[in-house]
Amino acid sequence: MAREFYVTVDNPEEGGLGMKLDLTDNRQCVVDSLQSGAIESYNDSVSHDMRVRPGDAIMAVNGFSGHPQEMTVLMSSSPEITLKVRRPTDFSVAVDKAGDQGLGLSLAEGANSHGLHSLLIREVCAGSAAEWNAQYPELALVRGDRIIQVNDRTGTQLELLEAMSDAETCLMKIRRYVEEEVKEEPQGGLNLNVSL
């Protein structure tokens, strides 16, 4: 089960927060990477389990939860910022690519997203992933899950896609932020890579 905690930092006039965010879906800002900035200073002052780290999701900013691009505006314009951070749950699945149907996953991507380090599942279609879901419903892949590793390879979206295309069996590490399937369609074609 995902764990949530709150982080409060002053927004510096120079240097920013020091986070590269993935805005691929409509629910949250996912921390893709950290650089020097206010979040790094915060991390240095708290215990390890309270640190913001890549893969965490920002679910709300100053009590506002909504579209990720609106949350980034709040993050860049507020003098003090309180972030509601969700730590995800990770699990592994092994899916064989079968015949002509292939893996059976529709993945969201948009402008400037190839430097990001996960693939967002838009939909599970007919194919091996749907067969996995039928066989292992407790580990079913659902819309909103993110693929963060394929056959021991991590990297950018392009590197993850290459690892998928090169293999007959995809052992995938999945990252989940919510316990139920996401109903709305992830966005695509927007600027999905923001540094603050």
N, C-alpha and C. Protein backbone atom coordinates (compact mmCIF):
# COMPACT_ATOMS: atom_id res chain seq x y z
N MET A 1 0.83 -1.17 0.00
CA MET A 1 0.00 0.00 0.00
C MET A 1 0.88 1.25 0.00
N ALA A 2 0.47 2.25 -0.78
CA ALA A 2 1.24 3.48 -0.87
C ALA A 2 1.17 4.25 0.44
N ARG A 3 2.26 4.92 0.78
CA ARG A 3 2.36 5.72 2.01
C ARG A 3 2.44 7.19 1.63
N GLU A 4 1.78 8.04 2.42
CA GLU A 4 1.79 9.47 2.15
C GLU A 4 2.41 10.23 3.32
N PHE A 5 3.06 11.34 2.99
CA PHE A 5 3.62 12.23 4.00
C PHE A 5 3.66 13.64 3.43
N TYR A 6 3.91 14.62 4.29
CA TYR A 6 3.91 16.03 3.89
C TYR A 6 5.30 16.63 4.01
N VAL A 7 5.62 17.51 3.07
CA VAL A 7 6.91 18.18 3.03
C VAL A 7 6.62 19.68 2.91
N THR A 8 7.21 20.47 3.79
CA THR A 8 7.06 21.93 3.70
C THR A 8 8.43 22.55 3.51
N VAL A 9 8.56 23.37 2.46
CA VAL A 9 9.83 24.05 2.16
C VAL A 9 9.55 25.48 1.75
N ASP A 10 10.53 26.35 1.97
CA ASP A 10 10.48 27.70 1.42
C ASP A 10 10.91 27.61 -0.04
N ASN A 11 10.24 28.36 -0.88
CA ASN A 11 10.57 28.38 -2.30
C ASN A 11 11.63 29.45 -2.52
N PRO A 12 12.87 29.06 -2.80
CA PRO A 12 13.93 30.07 -2.94
C PRO A 12 13.75 30.89 -4.21
N GLU A 13 14.21 32.14 -4.15
CA GLU A 13 14.12 33.00 -5.33
C GLU A 13 15.08 32.51 -6.41
N GLU A 14 16.19 31.91 -5.99
CA GLU A 14 17.15 31.37 -6.95
C GLU A 14 17.37 29.90 -6.64
N GLY A 15 17.59 29.11 -7.67
CA GLY A 15 17.89 27.69 -7.49
C GLY A 15 16.69 26.78 -7.58
N GLY A 16 15.51 27.30 -7.27
CA GLY A 16 14.29 26.51 -7.40
C GLY A 16 14.22 25.34 -6.43
N LEU A 17 13.26 24.50 -6.67
CA LEU A 17 13.04 23.33 -5.81
C LEU A 17 14.03 22.21 -6.10
N GLY A 18 14.52 22.11 -7.35
CA GLY A 18 15.48 21.08 -7.70
C GLY A 18 14.84 19.74 -8.02
N MET A 19 13.69 19.76 -8.71
CA MET A 19 13.02 18.52 -9.11
C MET A 19 12.70 18.54 -10.58
N LYS A 20 12.95 17.43 -11.26
CA LYS A 20 12.47 17.22 -12.62
C LYS A 20 11.22 16.36 -12.47
N LEU A 21 10.08 16.84 -13.00
CA LEU A 21 8.80 16.18 -12.80
C LEU A 21 8.26 15.58 -14.09
N ASP A 22 7.63 14.44 -13.97
CA ASP A 22 6.93 13.76 -15.06
C ASP A 22 5.44 14.06 -14.89
N LEU A 23 4.86 14.72 -15.89
CA LEU A 23 3.44 15.11 -15.84
C LEU A 23 2.61 14.30 -16.83
N THR A 24 3.00 13.06 -17.10
CA THR A 24 2.37 12.27 -18.14
C THR A 24 0.90 11.98 -17.90
N ASP A 25 0.48 11.82 -16.66
CA ASP A 25 -0.94 11.54 -16.43
C ASP A 25 -1.64 12.73 -15.79
N ASN A 26 -2.92 12.61 -15.56
CA ASN A 26 -3.73 13.73 -15.11
C ASN A 26 -3.93 13.81 -13.60
N ARG A 27 -3.21 13.02 -12.82
CA ARG A 27 -3.50 12.96 -11.39
C ARG A 27 -2.40 13.49 -10.50
N GLN A 28 -1.17 13.43 -10.94
CA GLN A 28 -0.05 13.68 -10.04
C GLN A 28 1.18 14.12 -10.82
N CYS A 29 2.13 14.69 -10.10
CA CYS A 29 3.45 15.00 -10.63
C CYS A 29 4.40 13.94 -10.07
N VAL A 30 5.03 13.18 -10.92
CA VAL A 30 5.96 12.14 -10.47
C VAL A 30 7.37 12.72 -10.51
N VAL A 31 8.10 12.57 -9.41
CA VAL A 31 9.48 13.04 -9.33
C VAL A 31 10.34 12.11 -10.18
N ASP A 32 10.86 12.64 -11.28
CA ASP A 32 11.71 11.83 -12.16
C ASP A 32 13.16 11.85 -11.67
N SER A 33 13.64 13.03 -11.26
CA SER A 33 15.00 13.13 -10.73
C SER A 33 15.10 14.37 -9.86
N LEU A 34 16.17 14.41 -9.07
CA LEU A 34 16.43 15.55 -8.17
C LEU A 34 17.76 16.19 -8.54
N GLN A 35 17.80 17.51 -8.42
CA GLN A 35 19.02 18.29 -8.59
C GLN A 35 19.18 19.13 -7.32
N SER A 36 20.19 19.99 -7.29
CA SER A 36 20.36 20.84 -6.11
C SER A 36 19.23 21.85 -6.06
N GLY A 37 18.78 22.13 -4.84
CA GLY A 37 17.69 23.08 -4.64
C GLY A 37 17.06 22.87 -3.27
N ALA A 38 15.88 23.42 -3.08
CA ALA A 38 15.21 23.39 -1.78
C ALA A 38 14.88 21.98 -1.33
N ILE A 39 14.52 21.10 -2.24
CA ILE A 39 14.18 19.71 -1.85
C ILE A 39 15.44 18.98 -1.38
N GLU A 40 16.57 19.22 -2.03
CA GLU A 40 17.82 18.60 -1.58
C GLU A 40 18.16 19.06 -0.16
N SER A 41 17.99 20.35 0.12
CA SER A 41 18.23 20.86 1.47
C SER A 41 17.28 20.24 2.47
N TYR A 42 16.01 20.12 2.10
CA TYR A 42 15.03 19.46 2.97
C TYR A 42 15.47 18.02 3.25
N ASN A 43 15.84 17.29 2.20
CA ASN A 43 16.25 15.89 2.35
C ASN A 43 17.43 15.74 3.32
N ASP A 44 18.34 16.69 3.29
CA ASP A 44 19.50 16.64 4.18
C ASP A 44 19.12 16.83 5.65
N SER A 45 17.90 17.36 5.90
CA SER A 45 17.51 17.69 7.28
C SER A 45 16.54 16.69 7.90
N VAL A 46 16.15 15.65 7.17
CA VAL A 46 15.14 14.71 7.69
C VAL A 46 15.66 13.27 7.61
N SER A 47 14.95 12.37 8.30
CA SER A 47 15.32 10.95 8.26
C SER A 47 15.10 10.39 6.85
N HIS A 48 15.78 9.30 6.57
CA HIS A 48 15.77 8.71 5.24
C HIS A 48 14.35 8.41 4.74
N ASP A 49 13.48 7.91 5.60
CA ASP A 49 12.14 7.53 5.16
C ASP A 49 11.23 8.73 4.87
N MET A 50 11.65 9.92 5.26
CA MET A 50 10.87 11.14 4.99
C MET A 50 11.43 11.96 3.83
N ARG A 51 12.47 11.46 3.18
CA ARG A 51 13.08 12.18 2.07
C ARG A 51 12.25 12.01 0.80
N VAL A 52 12.20 13.08 0.00
CA VAL A 52 11.61 13.00 -1.33
C VAL A 52 12.64 12.32 -2.22
N ARG A 53 12.19 11.36 -3.03
CA ARG A 53 13.12 10.64 -3.89
C ARG A 53 12.49 10.38 -5.25
N PRO A 54 13.32 10.12 -6.26
CA PRO A 54 12.77 9.81 -7.57
C PRO A 54 11.77 8.65 -7.47
N GLY A 55 10.67 8.81 -8.18
CA GLY A 55 9.60 7.82 -8.13
C GLY A 55 8.45 8.23 -7.23
N ASP A 56 8.69 9.14 -6.28
CA ASP A 56 7.60 9.63 -5.44
C ASP A 56 6.65 10.46 -6.29
N ALA A 57 5.39 10.54 -5.85
CA ALA A 57 4.39 11.35 -6.56
C ALA A 57 3.96 12.51 -5.68
N ILE A 58 3.83 13.67 -6.27
CA ILE A 58 3.28 14.83 -5.58
C ILE A 58 1.79 14.84 -5.91
N MET A 59 0.98 14.62 -4.86
CA MET A 59 -0.46 14.49 -5.03
C MET A 59 -1.20 15.81 -4.83
N ALA A 60 -0.59 16.74 -4.08
CA ALA A 60 -1.22 18.04 -3.82
C ALA A 60 -0.13 19.06 -3.48
N VAL A 61 -0.42 20.32 -3.79
CA VAL A 61 0.46 21.44 -3.48
C VAL A 61 -0.36 22.47 -2.71
N ASN A 62 0.07 22.79 -1.49
CA ASN A 62 -0.65 23.74 -0.64
C ASN A 62 -2.14 23.41 -0.54
N GLY A 63 -2.44 22.12 -0.43
CA GLY A 63 -3.82 21.66 -0.28
C GLY A 63 -4.58 21.51 -1.58
N PHE A 64 -4.01 21.95 -2.71
CA PHE A 64 -4.67 21.84 -4.01
C PHE A 64 -4.24 20.56 -4.69
N SER A 65 -5.19 19.71 -5.04
CA SER A 65 -4.90 18.55 -5.87
C SER A 65 -5.72 18.71 -7.14
N GLY A 66 -5.09 18.58 -8.23
CA GLY A 66 -5.75 18.78 -9.52
C GLY A 66 -4.80 18.44 -10.63
N HIS A 67 -4.96 19.10 -11.74
CA HIS A 67 -4.13 18.82 -12.90
C HIS A 67 -2.66 19.12 -12.57
N PRO A 68 -1.76 18.24 -12.97
CA PRO A 68 -0.34 18.42 -12.64
C PRO A 68 0.24 19.76 -13.10
N GLN A 69 -0.17 20.26 -14.26
CA GLN A 69 0.39 21.53 -14.71
C GLN A 69 -0.06 22.68 -13.81
N GLU A 70 -1.27 22.61 -13.25
CA GLU A 70 -1.71 23.63 -12.30
C GLU A 70 -0.91 23.53 -11.00
N MET A 71 -0.59 22.29 -10.59
CA MET A 71 0.22 22.13 -9.38
C MET A 71 1.62 22.69 -9.58
N THR A 72 2.18 22.56 -10.78
CA THR A 72 3.53 23.10 -11.02
C THR A 72 3.52 24.63 -10.97
N VAL A 73 2.42 25.24 -11.40
CA VAL A 73 2.32 26.70 -11.30
C VAL A 73 2.37 27.12 -9.83
N LEU A 74 1.63 26.41 -8.97
CA LEU A 74 1.67 26.71 -7.54
C LEU A 74 3.07 26.51 -6.97
N MET A 75 3.74 25.44 -7.40
CA MET A 75 5.09 25.17 -6.89
C MET A 75 6.06 26.27 -7.27
N SER A 76 5.89 26.86 -8.44
CA SER A 76 6.85 27.87 -8.88
C SER A 76 6.49 29.27 -8.40
N SER A 77 5.25 29.48 -7.93
CA SER A 77 4.84 30.84 -7.58
C SER A 77 4.60 31.08 -6.08
N SER A 78 4.49 30.05 -5.29
CA SER A 78 4.21 30.22 -3.85
C SER A 78 5.50 30.39 -3.07
N PRO A 79 5.53 31.32 -2.10
CA PRO A 79 6.76 31.51 -1.32
C PRO A 79 7.05 30.35 -0.37
N GLU A 80 6.00 29.69 0.16
CA GLU A 80 6.17 28.50 0.97
C GLU A 80 5.30 27.41 0.37
N ILE A 81 5.84 26.21 0.31
CA ILE A 81 5.14 25.12 -0.38
C ILE A 81 5.01 23.93 0.55
N THR A 82 3.79 23.41 0.66
CA THR A 82 3.56 22.15 1.35
C THR A 82 3.12 21.14 0.31
N LEU A 83 3.90 20.07 0.18
CA LEU A 83 3.65 19.02 -0.79
C LEU A 83 3.09 17.79 -0.09
N LYS A 84 2.03 17.24 -0.63
CA LYS A 84 1.54 15.93 -0.20
C LYS A 84 2.22 14.92 -1.11
N VAL A 85 3.10 14.11 -0.53
CA VAL A 85 3.93 13.17 -1.29
C VAL A 85 3.43 11.75 -1.05
N ARG A 86 3.31 11.00 -2.13
CA ARG A 86 2.91 9.59 -2.03
C ARG A 86 4.06 8.71 -2.49
N ARG A 87 4.43 7.78 -1.64
CA ARG A 87 5.44 6.78 -1.98
C ARG A 87 4.72 5.59 -2.59
N PRO A 88 5.10 5.16 -3.78
CA PRO A 88 4.37 4.09 -4.47
C PRO A 88 4.72 2.70 -3.96
N THR A 89 3.98 1.74 -4.50
CA THR A 89 4.24 0.32 -4.28
C THR A 89 4.83 -0.25 -5.57
N ASP A 90 5.89 -1.04 -5.46
CA ASP A 90 6.50 -1.68 -6.63
C ASP A 90 6.26 -3.18 -6.56
N PHE A 91 6.06 -3.80 -7.73
CA PHE A 91 5.94 -5.24 -7.82
C PHE A 91 6.42 -5.67 -9.20
N SER A 92 6.63 -6.96 -9.39
CA SER A 92 7.16 -7.48 -10.65
C SER A 92 6.17 -8.39 -11.34
N VAL A 93 6.20 -8.36 -12.67
CA VAL A 93 5.40 -9.26 -13.50
C VAL A 93 6.30 -9.82 -14.59
N ALA A 94 5.98 -11.02 -15.06
CA ALA A 94 6.72 -11.63 -16.17
C ALA A 94 5.72 -11.96 -17.26
N VAL A 95 5.84 -11.28 -18.40
CA VAL A 95 4.89 -11.42 -19.49
C VAL A 95 5.62 -11.91 -20.73
N ASP A 96 5.15 -13.04 -21.29
CA ASP A 96 5.69 -13.56 -22.54
C ASP A 96 4.97 -12.89 -23.70
N LYS A 97 5.72 -12.44 -24.69
CA LYS A 97 5.09 -11.87 -25.88
C LYS A 97 4.62 -13.05 -26.73
N ALA A 98 3.31 -13.11 -26.95
CA ALA A 98 2.72 -14.26 -27.64
C ALA A 98 2.28 -13.90 -29.05
N GLY A 99 2.82 -14.62 -30.03
CA GLY A 99 2.35 -14.53 -31.41
C GLY A 99 2.19 -13.13 -31.93
N ASP A 100 1.14 -12.95 -32.73
CA ASP A 100 0.89 -11.67 -33.39
C ASP A 100 0.33 -10.61 -32.46
N GLN A 101 -0.25 -11.02 -31.34
CA GLN A 101 -0.86 -10.05 -30.44
C GLN A 101 0.18 -9.25 -29.68
N GLY A 102 1.35 -9.79 -29.47
CA GLY A 102 2.40 -9.08 -28.76
C GLY A 102 2.09 -8.89 -27.29
N LEU A 103 2.67 -7.86 -26.72
CA LEU A 103 2.56 -7.60 -25.29
C LEU A 103 1.16 -7.15 -24.89
N GLY A 104 0.50 -6.36 -25.73
CA GLY A 104 -0.86 -5.92 -25.44
C GLY A 104 -0.95 -4.77 -24.46
N LEU A 105 0.00 -3.83 -24.56
CA LEU A 105 -0.03 -2.65 -23.70
C LEU A 105 -0.03 -1.39 -24.57
N SER A 106 -0.92 -0.47 -24.29
CA SER A 106 -0.90 0.85 -24.90
C SER A 106 -0.23 1.77 -23.89
N LEU A 107 0.85 2.43 -24.32
CA LEU A 107 1.65 3.26 -23.42
C LEU A 107 1.50 4.72 -23.79
N ALA A 108 1.38 5.58 -22.78
CA ALA A 108 1.25 7.02 -23.00
C ALA A 108 2.61 7.63 -23.21
N GLU A 109 2.68 8.51 -24.18
CA GLU A 109 3.89 9.30 -24.35
C GLU A 109 3.48 10.63 -24.94
N GLY A 110 4.31 11.61 -24.78
CA GLY A 110 3.98 12.94 -25.28
C GLY A 110 5.25 13.68 -25.62
N ALA A 111 5.09 14.92 -26.01
CA ALA A 111 6.23 15.75 -26.38
C ALA A 111 7.21 15.84 -25.21
N ASN A 112 8.49 15.73 -25.51
CA ASN A 112 9.57 15.89 -24.52
C ASN A 112 9.57 14.83 -23.43
N SER A 113 8.92 13.69 -23.63
CA SER A 113 8.82 12.71 -22.55
C SER A 113 9.89 11.62 -22.63
N HIS A 114 10.66 11.56 -23.71
CA HIS A 114 11.61 10.45 -23.86
C HIS A 114 12.79 10.51 -22.90
N GLY A 115 13.04 11.63 -22.24
CA GLY A 115 14.10 11.70 -21.25
C GLY A 115 13.65 11.21 -19.89
N LEU A 116 12.37 10.88 -19.76
CA LEU A 116 11.82 10.41 -18.49
C LEU A 116 12.15 8.95 -18.28
N HIS A 117 11.97 8.47 -17.05
CA HIS A 117 12.46 7.14 -16.67
C HIS A 117 11.37 6.15 -16.31
N SER A 118 10.19 6.27 -16.91
CA SER A 118 9.14 5.28 -16.74
C SER A 118 8.18 5.36 -17.91
N LEU A 119 7.45 4.28 -18.12
CA LEU A 119 6.42 4.22 -19.16
C LEU A 119 5.07 4.08 -18.49
N LEU A 120 4.15 4.97 -18.80
CA LEU A 120 2.81 4.97 -18.22
C LEU A 120 1.90 4.06 -19.04
N ILE A 121 1.25 3.11 -18.37
CA ILE A 121 0.30 2.22 -19.06
C ILE A 121 -1.01 2.97 -19.26
N ARG A 122 -1.37 3.15 -20.52
CA ARG A 122 -2.61 3.82 -20.90
C ARG A 122 -3.77 2.83 -20.89
N GLU A 123 -3.48 1.61 -21.38
CA GLU A 123 -4.54 0.61 -21.47
C GLU A 123 -3.91 -0.78 -21.63
N VAL A 124 -4.57 -1.79 -21.06
CA VAL A 124 -4.20 -3.19 -21.30
C VAL A 124 -5.13 -3.69 -22.39
N CYS A 125 -4.55 -4.12 -23.51
CA CYS A 125 -5.31 -4.55 -24.68
C CYS A 125 -5.24 -6.08 -24.78
N ALA A 126 -5.82 -6.62 -25.84
CA ALA A 126 -5.71 -8.06 -26.09
C ALA A 126 -4.23 -8.40 -26.29
N GLY A 127 -3.80 -9.49 -25.70
CA GLY A 127 -2.41 -9.90 -25.82
C GLY A 127 -1.92 -10.53 -24.53
N SER A 128 -0.61 -10.62 -24.43
CA SER A 128 0.01 -11.31 -23.31
C SER A 128 -0.27 -10.66 -21.96
N ALA A 129 -0.34 -9.32 -21.92
CA ALA A 129 -0.61 -8.65 -20.65
C ALA A 129 -2.01 -8.98 -20.14
N ALA A 130 -2.99 -9.05 -21.03
CA ALA A 130 -4.35 -9.43 -20.64
C ALA A 130 -4.39 -10.87 -20.13
N GLU A 131 -3.62 -11.74 -20.76
CA GLU A 131 -3.53 -13.13 -20.29
C GLU A 131 -2.89 -13.18 -18.90
N TRP A 132 -1.84 -12.39 -18.68
CA TRP A 132 -1.22 -12.29 -17.35
C TRP A 132 -2.28 -11.87 -16.33
N ASN A 133 -3.05 -10.83 -16.66
CA ASN A 133 -4.07 -10.32 -15.74
C ASN A 133 -5.09 -11.39 -15.38
N ALA A 134 -5.49 -12.20 -16.36
CA ALA A 134 -6.47 -13.26 -16.09
C ALA A 134 -5.88 -14.33 -15.17
N GLN A 135 -4.60 -14.63 -15.36
CA GLN A 135 -3.95 -15.67 -14.57
C GLN A 135 -3.55 -15.19 -13.17
N TYR A 136 -3.18 -13.90 -13.05
CA TYR A 136 -2.70 -13.36 -11.77
C TYR A 136 -3.46 -12.07 -11.43
N PRO A 137 -4.74 -12.16 -11.09
CA PRO A 137 -5.53 -10.94 -10.85
C PRO A 137 -5.00 -10.08 -9.69
N GLU A 138 -4.33 -10.68 -8.73
CA GLU A 138 -3.78 -9.88 -7.62
C GLU A 138 -2.58 -9.04 -8.04
N LEU A 139 -1.99 -9.36 -9.18
CA LEU A 139 -0.87 -8.59 -9.74
C LEU A 139 -1.21 -8.05 -11.12
N ALA A 140 -2.50 -7.82 -11.38
CA ALA A 140 -2.95 -7.37 -12.69
C ALA A 140 -2.39 -6.00 -13.03
N LEU A 141 -1.99 -5.83 -14.27
CA LEU A 141 -1.57 -4.53 -14.78
C LEU A 141 -2.82 -3.70 -15.07
N VAL A 142 -2.81 -2.43 -14.67
CA VAL A 142 -3.97 -1.56 -14.87
C VAL A 142 -3.52 -0.20 -15.39
N ARG A 143 -4.47 0.52 -15.98
CA ARG A 143 -4.22 1.88 -16.43
C ARG A 143 -3.69 2.70 -15.25
N GLY A 144 -2.62 3.45 -15.52
CA GLY A 144 -2.01 4.27 -14.47
C GLY A 144 -0.76 3.67 -13.87
N ASP A 145 -0.56 2.34 -14.04
CA ASP A 145 0.70 1.73 -13.59
C ASP A 145 1.85 2.26 -14.45
N ARG A 146 3.05 2.22 -13.89
CA ARG A 146 4.24 2.65 -14.62
C ARG A 146 5.26 1.52 -14.68
N ILE A 147 5.83 1.33 -15.83
CA ILE A 147 6.90 0.36 -16.02
C ILE A 147 8.21 1.11 -15.76
N ILE A 148 8.99 0.61 -14.79
CA ILE A 148 10.23 1.32 -14.43
C ILE A 148 11.49 0.49 -14.73
N GLN A 149 11.29 -0.79 -15.06
CA GLN A 149 12.44 -1.66 -15.35
C GLN A 149 11.95 -2.80 -16.23
N VAL A 150 12.77 -3.18 -17.22
CA VAL A 150 12.47 -4.31 -18.10
C VAL A 150 13.70 -5.19 -18.18
N ASN A 151 13.55 -6.45 -17.77
CA ASN A 151 14.66 -7.42 -17.82
C ASN A 151 15.95 -6.84 -17.24
N ASP A 152 15.86 -6.33 -16.03
CA ASP A 152 17.00 -5.76 -15.30
C ASP A 152 17.56 -4.49 -15.92
N ARG A 153 16.86 -3.92 -16.90
CA ARG A 153 17.32 -2.66 -17.51
C ARG A 153 16.44 -1.51 -17.04
N THR A 154 17.07 -0.47 -16.57
CA THR A 154 16.38 0.77 -16.27
C THR A 154 16.91 1.80 -17.25
N GLY A 155 16.28 2.95 -17.30
CA GLY A 155 16.76 4.00 -18.19
C GLY A 155 15.62 4.87 -18.66
N THR A 156 15.86 5.55 -19.76
CA THR A 156 14.85 6.45 -20.33
C THR A 156 13.73 5.62 -20.95
N GLN A 157 12.67 6.31 -21.33
CA GLN A 157 11.56 5.64 -21.98
C GLN A 157 12.02 4.87 -23.22
N LEU A 158 12.88 5.48 -24.02
CA LEU A 158 13.37 4.81 -25.23
C LEU A 158 14.15 3.54 -24.88
N GLU A 159 14.96 3.60 -23.83
CA GLU A 159 15.73 2.42 -23.43
C GLU A 159 14.82 1.31 -22.91
N LEU A 160 13.77 1.69 -22.19
CA LEU A 160 12.80 0.68 -21.72
C LEU A 160 12.06 0.05 -22.89
N LEU A 161 11.67 0.86 -23.87
CA LEU A 161 11.00 0.33 -25.06
C LEU A 161 11.91 -0.61 -25.84
N GLU A 162 13.19 -0.26 -25.96
CA GLU A 162 14.16 -1.14 -26.64
C GLU A 162 14.28 -2.48 -25.91
N ALA A 163 14.33 -2.43 -24.58
CA ALA A 163 14.43 -3.67 -23.80
C ALA A 163 13.20 -4.54 -24.03
N MET A 164 12.03 -3.94 -24.16
CA MET A 164 10.80 -4.70 -24.43
C MET A 164 10.84 -5.34 -25.81
N SER A 165 11.29 -4.58 -26.80
CA SER A 165 11.28 -5.10 -28.16
C SER A 165 12.33 -6.18 -28.38
N ASP A 166 13.40 -6.17 -27.59
CA ASP A 166 14.49 -7.14 -27.74
C ASP A 166 14.20 -8.50 -27.10
N ALA A 167 13.14 -8.59 -26.29
CA ALA A 167 12.96 -9.79 -25.47
C ALA A 167 11.69 -10.56 -25.84
N GLU A 168 11.75 -11.88 -25.68
CA GLU A 168 10.55 -12.72 -25.83
C GLU A 168 9.72 -12.69 -24.55
N THR A 169 10.41 -12.64 -23.42
CA THR A 169 9.75 -12.53 -22.12
C THR A 169 10.19 -11.22 -21.48
N CYS A 170 9.22 -10.46 -21.02
CA CYS A 170 9.51 -9.19 -20.36
C CYS A 170 9.26 -9.34 -18.86
N LEU A 171 10.33 -9.34 -18.09
CA LEU A 171 10.22 -9.29 -16.63
C LEU A 171 10.24 -7.80 -16.29
N MET A 172 9.07 -7.29 -15.88
CA MET A 172 8.91 -5.85 -15.69
C MET A 172 8.68 -5.51 -14.23
N LYS A 173 9.36 -4.47 -13.78
CA LYS A 173 9.10 -3.92 -12.45
C LYS A 173 8.07 -2.82 -12.66
N ILE A 174 6.97 -2.91 -11.91
CA ILE A 174 5.84 -2.02 -12.06
C ILE A 174 5.74 -1.13 -10.82
N ARG A 175 5.42 0.12 -11.03
CA ARG A 175 5.23 1.06 -9.94
C ARG A 175 3.77 1.50 -9.96
N ARG A 176 3.12 1.39 -8.78
CA ARG A 176 1.70 1.75 -8.66
C ARG A 176 1.52 2.80 -7.58
N TYR A 177 0.74 3.84 -7.92
CA TYR A 177 0.49 4.95 -7.00
C TYR A 177 -0.88 4.89 -6.35
N VAL A 178 -1.83 4.24 -6.97
CA VAL A 178 -3.19 4.15 -6.44
C VAL A 178 -3.60 2.70 -6.37
N GLU A 179 -4.52 2.38 -5.48
CA GLU A 179 -4.94 1.00 -5.27
C GLU A 179 -6.02 0.57 -6.25
N GLU A 180 -6.73 1.52 -6.86
CA GLU A 180 -7.76 1.16 -7.82
C GLU A 180 -7.35 1.64 -9.20
N GLU A 181 -7.95 1.06 -10.23
CA GLU A 181 -7.62 1.42 -11.60
C GLU A 181 -8.01 2.86 -11.87
N VAL A 182 -7.17 3.57 -12.60
CA VAL A 182 -7.42 4.95 -12.98
C VAL A 182 -8.45 4.96 -14.11
N LYS A 183 -9.51 5.75 -13.96
CA LYS A 183 -10.59 5.75 -14.95
C LYS A 183 -10.37 6.73 -16.08
N GLU A 184 -9.75 7.90 -15.81
CA GLU A 184 -9.59 8.88 -16.88
C GLU A 184 -8.38 8.56 -17.74
N GLU A 185 -8.43 9.02 -18.96
CA GLU A 185 -7.37 8.79 -19.94
C GLU A 185 -6.17 9.67 -19.64
N PRO A 186 -4.94 9.10 -19.61
CA PRO A 186 -3.75 9.94 -19.45
C PRO A 186 -3.63 10.91 -20.61
N GLN A 187 -3.06 12.08 -20.35
CA GLN A 187 -2.89 13.07 -21.40
C GLN A 187 -1.75 12.66 -22.31
N GLY A 188 -1.66 13.27 -23.45
CA GLY A 188 -0.55 13.04 -24.36
C GLY A 188 -0.34 14.27 -25.22
N GLY A 189 0.85 14.44 -25.74
CA GLY A 189 1.13 15.51 -26.66
C GLY A 189 1.39 16.86 -26.04
N LEU A 190 1.53 16.95 -24.72
CA LEU A 190 1.83 18.21 -24.06
C LEU A 190 3.26 18.17 -23.55
N ASN A 191 3.73 19.28 -23.01
CA ASN A 191 5.05 19.29 -22.40
C ASN A 191 4.97 18.52 -21.09
N LEU A 192 5.55 17.34 -21.07
CA LEU A 192 5.39 16.44 -19.95
C LEU A 192 6.64 16.32 -19.10
N ASN A 193 7.58 17.21 -19.28
CA ASN A 193 8.86 17.13 -18.61
C ASN A 193 9.18 18.52 -18.07
N VAL A 194 9.00 18.72 -16.77
CA VAL A 194 9.13 20.04 -16.18
C VAL A 194 10.19 20.01 -15.08
N SER A 195 11.06 21.00 -15.08
CA SER A 195 12.05 21.13 -13.99
C SER A 195 11.67 22.34 -13.15
N LEU A 196 11.68 22.13 -11.83
CA LEU A 196 11.37 23.23 -10.90
C LEU A 196 12.51 23.41 -9.93
